[in-house]
Amino acid sequence: MQSENPLVADFVKMANAAAGTFAGMTREAREGARERMKEALGGLDFVSREEFDAVKDMASKAREQAEALAERVAALEAKLSK
């Protein structure tokens, strides 16, 4: 038979309670840090990757169109100068 020492049992209970308290404190600290980061970053304007890629594609197409128009204008100016 195994005899249980009341002092050891109390120590084990206290250690378990401390571990639970520590885990709760860690969880609360993590959640608090997340909230502070959300608040700090909330005022910043971030765009999603899809939005960025869409605007990038639009800019590329606009650049190509501008180059094509510049070539047409140059050709028309050359035609007018003759």
PDB file of N, CA and C in Angstrom:
ATOM      1  N   MET A   1       0.819  -1.178   0.000  1.00  0.00           N
ATOM      2  CA  MET A   1       0.000   0.000   0.000  1.00  0.00           C
ATOM      3  C   MET A   1       0.866   1.246   0.000  1.00  0.00           C
ATOM      4  N   GLN A   2       0.299   2.231  -0.631  1.00  0.00           N
ATOM      5  CA  GLN A   2       1.037   3.474  -0.693  1.00  0.00           C
ATOM      6  C   GLN A   2       0.400   4.457   0.261  1.00  0.00           C
ATOM      7  N   SER A   3       1.199   4.996   1.154  1.00  0.00           N
ATOM      8  CA  SER A   3       0.660   5.981   2.097  1.00  0.00           C
ATOM      9  C   SER A   3       0.845   7.360   1.495  1.00  0.00           C
ATOM     10  N   GLU A   4      -0.128   8.229   1.732  1.00  0.00           N
ATOM     11  CA  GLU A   4      -0.087   9.571   1.161  1.00  0.00           C
ATOM     12  C   GLU A   4       0.229  10.567   2.253  1.00  0.00           C
ATOM     13  N   ASN A   5       1.256  11.307   2.046  1.00  0.00           N
ATOM     14  CA  ASN A   5       1.672  12.320   2.996  1.00  0.00           C
ATOM     15  C   ASN A   5       0.818  13.566   2.760  1.00  0.00           C
ATOM     16  N   PRO A   6       0.148  14.088   3.778  1.00  0.00           N
ATOM     17  CA  PRO A   6      -0.705  15.263   3.591  1.00  0.00           C
ATOM     18  C   PRO A   6       0.086  16.480   3.124  1.00  0.00           C
ATOM     19  N   LEU A   7       1.324  16.599   3.530  1.00  0.00           N
ATOM     20  CA  LEU A   7       2.151  17.722   3.121  1.00  0.00           C
ATOM     21  C   LEU A   7       2.433  17.656   1.621  1.00  0.00           C
ATOM     22  N   VAL A   8       2.732  16.458   1.119  1.00  0.00           N
ATOM     23  CA  VAL A   8       2.985  16.276  -0.308  1.00  0.00           C
ATOM     24  C   VAL A   8       1.700  16.518  -1.095  1.00  0.00           C
ATOM     25  N   ALA A   9       0.587  16.023  -0.603  1.00  0.00           N
ATOM     26  CA  ALA A   9      -0.696  16.207  -1.291  1.00  0.00           C
ATOM     27  C   ALA A   9      -1.034  17.696  -1.392  1.00  0.00           C
ATOM     28  N   ASP A  10      -0.810  18.436  -0.305  1.00  0.00           N
ATOM     29  CA  ASP A  10      -1.070  19.871  -0.323  1.00  0.00           C
ATOM     30  C   ASP A  10      -0.132  20.575  -1.310  1.00  0.00           C
ATOM     31  N   PHE A  11       1.104  20.138  -1.333  1.00  0.00           N
ATOM     32  CA  PHE A  11       2.066  20.739  -2.265  1.00  0.00           C
ATOM     33  C   PHE A  11       1.657  20.484  -3.715  1.00  0.00           C
ATOM     34  N   VAL A  12       1.202  19.264  -4.003  1.00  0.00           N
ATOM     35  CA  VAL A  12       0.763  18.918  -5.353  1.00  0.00           C
ATOM     36  C   VAL A  12      -0.456  19.748  -5.743  1.00  0.00           C
ATOM     37  N   LYS A  13      -1.404  19.889  -4.811  1.00  0.00           N
ATOM     38  CA  LYS A  13      -2.594  20.709  -5.085  1.00  0.00           C
ATOM     39  C   LYS A  13      -2.200  22.159  -5.361  1.00  0.00           C
ATOM     40  N   MET A  14      -1.268  22.673  -4.566  1.00  0.00           N
ATOM     41  CA  MET A  14      -0.829  24.053  -4.731  1.00  0.00           C
ATOM     42  C   MET A  14      -0.095  24.219  -6.076  1.00  0.00           C
ATOM     43  N   ALA A  15       0.709  23.246  -6.454  1.00  0.00           N
ATOM     44  CA  ALA A  15       1.428  23.307  -7.726  1.00  0.00           C
ATOM     45  C   ALA A  15       0.451  23.252  -8.901  1.00  0.00           C
ATOM     46  N   ASN A  16      -0.564  22.400  -8.803  1.00  0.00           N
ATOM     47  CA  ASN A  16      -1.576  22.320  -9.863  1.00  0.00           C
ATOM     48  C   ASN A  16      -2.340  23.627  -9.984  1.00  0.00           C
ATOM     49  N   ALA A  17      -2.699  24.202  -8.853  1.00  0.00           N
ATOM     50  CA  ALA A  17      -3.416  25.476  -8.873  1.00  0.00           C
ATOM     51  C   ALA A  17      -2.547  26.574  -9.471  1.00  0.00           C
ATOM     52  N   ALA A  18      -1.261  26.587  -9.124  1.00  0.00           N
ATOM     53  CA  ALA A  18      -0.354  27.588  -9.666  1.00  0.00           C
ATOM     54  C   ALA A  18      -0.187  27.407 -11.167  1.00  0.00           C
ATOM     55  N   ALA A  19      -0.097  26.174 -11.623  1.00  0.00           N
ATOM     56  CA  ALA A  19       0.033  25.910 -13.061  1.00  0.00           C
ATOM     57  C   ALA A  19      -1.215  26.383 -13.803  1.00  0.00           C
ATOM     58  N   GLY A  20      -2.379  26.131 -13.246  1.00  0.00           N
ATOM     59  CA  GLY A  20      -3.623  26.596 -13.860  1.00  0.00           C
ATOM     60  C   GLY A  20      -3.704  28.109 -13.890  1.00  0.00           C
ATOM     61  N   THR A  21      -3.290  28.729 -12.805  1.00  0.00           N
ATOM     62  CA  THR A  21      -3.288  30.197 -12.745  1.00  0.00           C
ATOM     63  C   THR A  21      -2.306  30.768 -13.751  1.00  0.00           C
ATOM     64  N   PHE A  22      -1.137  30.168 -13.847  1.00  0.00           N
ATOM     65  CA  PHE A  22      -0.131  30.629 -14.796  1.00  0.00           C
ATOM     66  C   PHE A  22      -0.623  30.480 -16.233  1.00  0.00           C
ATOM     67  N   ALA A  23      -1.275  29.371 -16.522  1.00  0.00           N
ATOM     68  CA  ALA A  23      -1.819  29.158 -17.871  1.00  0.00           C
ATOM     69  C   ALA A  23      -2.883  30.208 -18.176  1.00  0.00           C
ATOM     70  N   GLY A  24      -3.731  30.524 -17.228  1.00  0.00           N
ATOM     71  CA  GLY A  24      -4.747  31.549 -17.417  1.00  0.00           C
ATOM     72  C   GLY A  24      -4.133  32.920 -17.627  1.00  0.00           C
ATOM     73  N   MET A  25      -3.100  33.235 -16.852  1.00  0.00           N
ATOM     74  CA  MET A  25      -2.427  34.521 -17.006  1.00  0.00           C
ATOM     75  C   MET A  25      -1.770  34.622 -18.378  1.00  0.00           C
ATOM     76  N   THR A  26      -1.178  33.531 -18.838  1.00  0.00           N
ATOM     77  CA  THR A  26      -0.543  33.518 -20.152  1.00  0.00           C
ATOM     78  C   THR A  26      -1.573  33.738 -21.246  1.00  0.00           C
ATOM     79  N   ARG A  27      -2.706  33.069 -21.131  1.00  0.00           N
ATOM     80  CA  ARG A  27      -3.772  33.205 -22.119  1.00  0.00           C
ATOM     81  C   ARG A  27      -4.303  34.637 -22.149  1.00  0.00           C
ATOM     82  N   GLU A  28      -4.519  35.228 -20.973  1.00  0.00           N
ATOM     83  CA  GLU A  28      -5.008  36.605 -20.903  1.00  0.00           C
ATOM     84  C   GLU A  28      -3.982  37.589 -21.455  1.00  0.00           C
ATOM     85  N   ALA A  29      -2.712  37.369 -21.180  1.00  0.00           N
ATOM     86  CA  ALA A  29      -1.663  38.253 -21.704  1.00  0.00           C
ATOM     87  C   ALA A  29      -1.611  38.165 -23.222  1.00  0.00           C
ATOM     88  N   ARG A  30      -1.725  36.963 -23.767  1.00  0.00           N
ATOM     89  CA  ARG A  30      -1.703  36.780 -25.212  1.00  0.00           C
ATOM     90  C   ARG A  30      -2.888  37.488 -25.866  1.00  0.00           C
ATOM     91  N   GLU A  31      -4.083  37.324 -25.283  1.00  0.00           N
ATOM     92  CA  GLU A  31      -5.274  37.977 -25.831  1.00  0.00           C
ATOM     93  C   GLU A  31      -5.166  39.492 -25.728  1.00  0.00           C
ATOM     94  N   GLY A  32      -4.623  39.975 -24.625  1.00  0.00           N
ATOM     95  CA  GLY A  32      -4.428  41.414 -24.463  1.00  0.00           C
ATOM     96  C   GLY A  32      -3.464  41.974 -25.489  1.00  0.00           C
ATOM     97  N   ALA A  33      -2.395  41.239 -25.744  1.00  0.00           N
ATOM     98  CA  ALA A  33      -1.413  41.685 -26.738  1.00  0.00           C
ATOM     99  C   ALA A  33      -2.034  41.707 -28.132  1.00  0.00           C
ATOM    100  N   ARG A  34      -2.859  40.709 -28.441  1.00  0.00           N
ATOM    101  CA  ARG A  34      -3.538  40.686 -29.744  1.00  0.00           C
ATOM    102  C   ARG A  34      -4.458  41.891 -29.887  1.00  0.00           C
ATOM    103  N   GLU A  35      -5.194  42.203 -28.838  1.00  0.00           N
ATOM    104  CA  GLU A  35      -6.099  43.354 -28.881  1.00  0.00           C
ATOM    105  C   GLU A  35      -5.330  44.651 -29.082  1.00  0.00           C
ATOM    106  N   ARG A  36      -4.218  44.811 -28.373  1.00  0.00           N
ATOM    107  CA  ARG A  36      -3.411  46.022 -28.534  1.00  0.00           C
ATOM    108  C   ARG A  36      -2.850  46.131 -29.947  1.00  0.00           C
ATOM    109  N   MET A  37      -2.440  45.006 -30.527  1.00  0.00           N
ATOM    110  CA  MET A  37      -1.936  45.028 -31.900  1.00  0.00           C
ATOM    111  C   MET A  37      -3.055  45.376 -32.882  1.00  0.00           C
ATOM    112  N   LYS A  38      -4.247  44.828 -32.671  1.00  0.00           N
ATOM    113  CA  LYS A  38      -5.377  45.154 -33.541  1.00  0.00           C
ATOM    114  C   LYS A  38      -5.695  46.641 -33.464  1.00  0.00           C
ATOM    115  N   GLU A  39      -5.665  47.195 -32.261  1.00  0.00           N
ATOM    116  CA  GLU A  39      -5.937  48.620 -32.101  1.00  0.00           C
ATOM    117  C   GLU A  39      -4.853  49.459 -32.768  1.00  0.00           C
ATOM    118  N   ALA A  40      -3.607  49.054 -32.602  1.00  0.00           N
ATOM    119  CA  ALA A  40      -2.497  49.816 -33.174  1.00  0.00           C
ATOM    120  C   ALA A  40      -2.511  49.747 -34.692  1.00  0.00           C
ATOM    121  N   LEU A  41      -2.817  48.590 -35.237  1.00  0.00           N
ATOM    122  CA  LEU A  41      -2.812  48.414 -36.683  1.00  0.00           C
ATOM    123  C   LEU A  41      -4.154  48.767 -37.312  1.00  0.00           C
ATOM    124  N   GLY A  42      -5.165  48.959 -36.492  1.00  0.00           N
ATOM    125  CA  GLY A  42      -6.498  49.244 -37.011  1.00  0.00           C
ATOM    126  C   GLY A  42      -6.572  50.551 -37.770  1.00  0.00           C
ATOM    127  N   GLY A  43      -5.785  51.530 -37.410  1.00  0.00           N
ATOM    128  CA  GLY A  43      -5.809  52.814 -38.086  1.00  0.00           C
ATOM    129  C   GLY A  43      -5.055  52.821 -39.394  1.00  0.00           C
ATOM    130  N   LEU A  44      -4.287  51.791 -39.647  1.00  0.00           N
ATOM    131  CA  LEU A  44      -3.517  51.731 -40.885  1.00  0.00           C
ATOM    132  C   LEU A  44      -4.370  51.143 -42.002  1.00  0.00           C
ATOM    133  N   ASP A  45      -4.145  51.603 -43.195  1.00  0.00           N
ATOM    134  CA  ASP A  45      -4.896  51.107 -44.346  1.00  0.00           C
ATOM    135  C   ASP A  45      -4.085  50.039 -45.056  1.00  0.00           C
ATOM    136  N   PHE A  46      -4.466  48.818 -44.869  1.00  0.00           N
ATOM    137  CA  PHE A  46      -3.828  47.705 -45.549  1.00  0.00           C
ATOM    138  C   PHE A  46      -4.769  47.193 -46.625  1.00  0.00           C
ATOM    139  N   VAL A  47      -4.203  46.699 -47.702  1.00  0.00           N
ATOM    140  CA  VAL A  47      -5.011  46.102 -48.757  1.00  0.00           C
ATOM    141  C   VAL A  47      -4.672  44.621 -48.845  1.00  0.00           C
ATOM    142  N   SER A  48      -5.627  43.875 -49.356  1.00  0.00           N
ATOM    143  CA  SER A  48      -5.380  42.448 -49.520  1.00  0.00           C
ATOM    144  C   SER A  48      -4.487  42.215 -50.731  1.00  0.00           C
ATOM    145  N   ARG A  49      -3.941  41.055 -50.818  1.00  0.00           N
ATOM    146  CA  ARG A  49      -3.062  40.713 -51.942  1.00  0.00           C
ATOM    147  C   ARG A  49      -3.839  40.758 -53.256  1.00  0.00           C
ATOM    148  N   GLU A  50      -5.103  40.312 -53.214  1.00  0.00           N
ATOM    149  CA  GLU A  50      -5.924  40.311 -54.423  1.00  0.00           C
ATOM    150  C   GLU A  50      -6.163  41.739 -54.917  1.00  0.00           C
ATOM    151  N   GLU A  51      -6.447  42.654 -53.986  1.00  0.00           N
ATOM    152  CA  GLU A  51      -6.654  44.054 -54.366  1.00  0.00           C
ATOM    153  C   GLU A  51      -5.370  44.648 -54.946  1.00  0.00           C
ATOM    154  N   PHE A  52      -4.258  44.345 -54.326  1.00  0.00           N
ATOM    155  CA  PHE A  52      -2.969  44.853 -54.807  1.00  0.00           C
ATOM    156  C   PHE A  52      -2.692  44.357 -56.220  1.00  0.00           C
ATOM    157  N   ASP A  53      -2.898  43.054 -56.445  1.00  0.00           N
ATOM    158  CA  ASP A  53      -2.645  42.491 -57.772  1.00  0.00           C
ATOM    159  C   ASP A  53      -3.577  43.091 -58.817  1.00  0.00           C
ATOM    160  N   ALA A  54      -4.838  43.329 -58.447  1.00  0.00           N
ATOM    161  CA  ALA A  54      -5.791  43.922 -59.388  1.00  0.00           C
ATOM    162  C   ALA A  54      -5.350  45.328 -59.788  1.00  0.00           C
ATOM    163  N   VAL A  55      -4.946  46.125 -58.828  1.00  0.00           N
ATOM    164  CA  VAL A  55      -4.496  47.486 -59.129  1.00  0.00           C
ATOM    165  C   VAL A  55      -3.199  47.461 -59.928  1.00  0.00           C
ATOM    166  N   LYS A  56      -2.327  46.519 -59.619  1.00  0.00           N
ATOM    167  CA  LYS A  56      -1.078  46.385 -60.365  1.00  0.00           C
ATOM    168  C   LYS A  56      -1.359  46.060 -61.829  1.00  0.00           C
ATOM    169  N   ASP A  57      -2.315  45.147 -62.075  1.00  0.00           N
ATOM    170  CA  ASP A  57      -2.690  44.804 -63.443  1.00  0.00           C
ATOM    171  C   ASP A  57      -3.303  46.003 -64.170  1.00  0.00           C
ATOM    172  N   MET A  58      -4.146  46.748 -63.458  1.00  0.00           N
ATOM    173  CA  MET A  58      -4.753  47.940 -64.055  1.00  0.00           C
ATOM    174  C   MET A  58      -3.683  48.955 -64.439  1.00  0.00           C
ATOM    175  N   ALA A  59      -2.700  49.155 -63.582  1.00  0.00           N
ATOM    176  CA  ALA A  59      -1.626  50.103 -63.864  1.00  0.00           C
ATOM    177  C   ALA A  59      -0.799  49.642 -65.059  1.00  0.00           C
ATOM    178  N   SER A  60      -0.557  48.346 -65.155  1.00  0.00           N
ATOM    179  CA  SER A  60       0.212  47.809 -66.277  1.00  0.00           C
ATOM    180  C   SER A  60      -0.532  48.043 -67.587  1.00  0.00           C
ATOM    181  N   LYS A  61      -1.845  47.774 -67.588  1.00  0.00           N
ATOM    182  CA  LYS A  61      -2.652  47.996 -68.800  1.00  0.00           C
ATOM    183  C   LYS A  61      -2.687  49.475 -69.154  1.00  0.00           C
ATOM    184  N   ALA A  62      -2.825  50.336 -68.162  1.00  0.00           N
ATOM    185  CA  ALA A  62      -2.846  51.778 -68.419  1.00  0.00           C
ATOM    186  C   ALA A  62      -1.513  52.236 -68.998  1.00  0.00           C
ATOM    187  N   ARG A  63      -0.406  51.684 -68.504  1.00  0.00           N
ATOM    188  CA  ARG A  63       0.917  52.028 -69.031  1.00  0.00           C
ATOM    189  C   ARG A  63       1.042  51.599 -70.487  1.00  0.00           C
ATOM    190  N   GLU A  64       0.562  50.396 -70.806  1.00  0.00           N
ATOM    191  CA  GLU A  64       0.614  49.920 -72.192  1.00  0.00           C
ATOM    192  C   GLU A  64      -0.226  50.807 -73.105  1.00  0.00           C
ATOM    193  N   GLN A  65      -1.410  51.182 -72.632  1.00  0.00           N
ATOM    194  CA  GLN A  65      -2.267  52.054 -73.440  1.00  0.00           C
ATOM    195  C   GLN A  65      -1.619  53.423 -73.638  1.00  0.00           C
ATOM    196  N   ALA A  66      -1.001  53.953 -72.605  1.00  0.00           N
ATOM    197  CA  ALA A  66      -0.344  55.256 -72.716  1.00  0.00           C
ATOM    198  C   ALA A  66       0.806  55.191 -73.713  1.00  0.00           C
ATOM    199  N   GLU A  67       1.565  54.102 -73.692  1.00  0.00           N
ATOM    200  CA  GLU A  67       2.659  53.942 -74.646  1.00  0.00           C
ATOM    201  C   GLU A  67       2.125  53.849 -76.075  1.00  0.00           C
ATOM    202  N   ALA A  68       1.025  53.105 -76.259  1.00  0.00           N
ATOM    203  CA  ALA A  68       0.428  52.977 -77.593  1.00  0.00           C
ATOM    204  C   ALA A  68      -0.081  54.331 -78.076  1.00  0.00           C
ATOM    205  N   LEU A  69      -0.709  55.077 -77.202  1.00  0.00           N
ATOM    206  CA  LEU A  69      -1.192  56.404 -77.583  1.00  0.00           C
ATOM    207  C   LEU A  69      -0.038  57.350 -77.897  1.00  0.00           C
ATOM    208  N   ALA A  70       1.035  57.253 -77.148  1.00  0.00           N
ATOM    209  CA  ALA A  70       2.203  58.097 -77.409  1.00  0.00           C
ATOM    210  C   ALA A  70       2.774  57.789 -78.787  1.00  0.00           C
ATOM    211  N   GLU A  71       2.793  56.509 -79.158  1.00  0.00           N
ATOM    212  CA  GLU A  71       3.274  56.126 -80.485  1.00  0.00           C
ATOM    213  C   GLU A  71       2.353  56.677 -81.574  1.00  0.00           C
ATOM    214  N   ARG A  72       1.042  56.603 -81.348  1.00  0.00           N
ATOM    215  CA  ARG A  72       0.084  57.130 -82.329  1.00  0.00           C
ATOM    216  C   ARG A  72       0.240  58.641 -82.488  1.00  0.00           C
ATOM    217  N   VAL A  73       0.406  59.330 -81.364  1.00  0.00           N
ATOM    218  CA  VAL A  73       0.579  60.781 -81.414  1.00  0.00           C
ATOM    219  C   VAL A  73       1.856  61.123 -82.169  1.00  0.00           C
ATOM    220  N   ALA A  74       2.922  60.409 -81.897  1.00  0.00           N
ATOM    221  CA  ALA A  74       4.193  60.648 -82.588  1.00  0.00           C
ATOM    222  C   ALA A  74       4.034  60.416 -84.090  1.00  0.00           C
ATOM    223  N   ALA A  75       3.300  59.363 -84.462  1.00  0.00           N
ATOM    224  CA  ALA A  75       3.085  59.061 -85.883  1.00  0.00           C
ATOM    225  C   ALA A  75       2.242  60.166 -86.527  1.00  0.00           C
ATOM    226  N   LEU A  76       1.207  60.620 -85.850  1.00  0.00           N
ATOM    227  CA  LEU A  76       0.364  61.694 -86.387  1.00  0.00           C
ATOM    228  C   LEU A  76       1.132  62.989 -86.499  1.00  0.00           C
ATOM    229  N   GLU A  77       1.963  63.293 -85.521  1.00  0.00           N
ATOM    230  CA  GLU A  77       2.780  64.509 -85.580  1.00  0.00           C
ATOM    231  C   GLU A  77       3.777  64.442 -86.744  1.00  0.00           C
ATOM    232  N   ALA A  78       4.345  63.264 -86.944  1.00  0.00           N
ATOM    233  CA  ALA A  78       5.280  63.097 -88.073  1.00  0.00           C
ATOM    234  C   ALA A  78       4.546  63.262 -89.388  1.00  0.00           C
ATOM    235  N   LYS A  79       3.330  62.751 -89.460  1.00  0.00           N
ATOM    236  CA  LYS A  79       2.529  62.868 -90.681  1.00  0.00           C
ATOM    237  C   LYS A  79       2.166  64.339 -90.949  1.00  0.00           C
ATOM    238  N   LEU A  80       1.831  65.070 -89.894  1.00  0.00           N
ATOM    239  CA  LEU A  80       1.463  66.481 -90.043  1.00  0.00           C
ATOM    240  C   LEU A  80       2.657  67.362 -90.424  1.00  0.00           C
ATOM    241  N   SER A  81       3.834  66.987 -89.952  1.00  0.00           N
ATOM    242  CA  SER A  81       5.009  67.824 -90.225  1.00  0.00           C
ATOM    243  C   SER A  81       5.480  67.671 -91.678  1.00  0.00           C
ATOM    244  N   LYS A  82       5.049  66.643 -92.375  1.00  0.00           N
ATOM    245  CA  LYS A  82       5.476  66.428 -93.770  1.00  0.00           C
ATOM    246  C   LYS A  82       4.747  67.312 -94.668  1.00  0.00           C
TER     247      LYS A  82
END
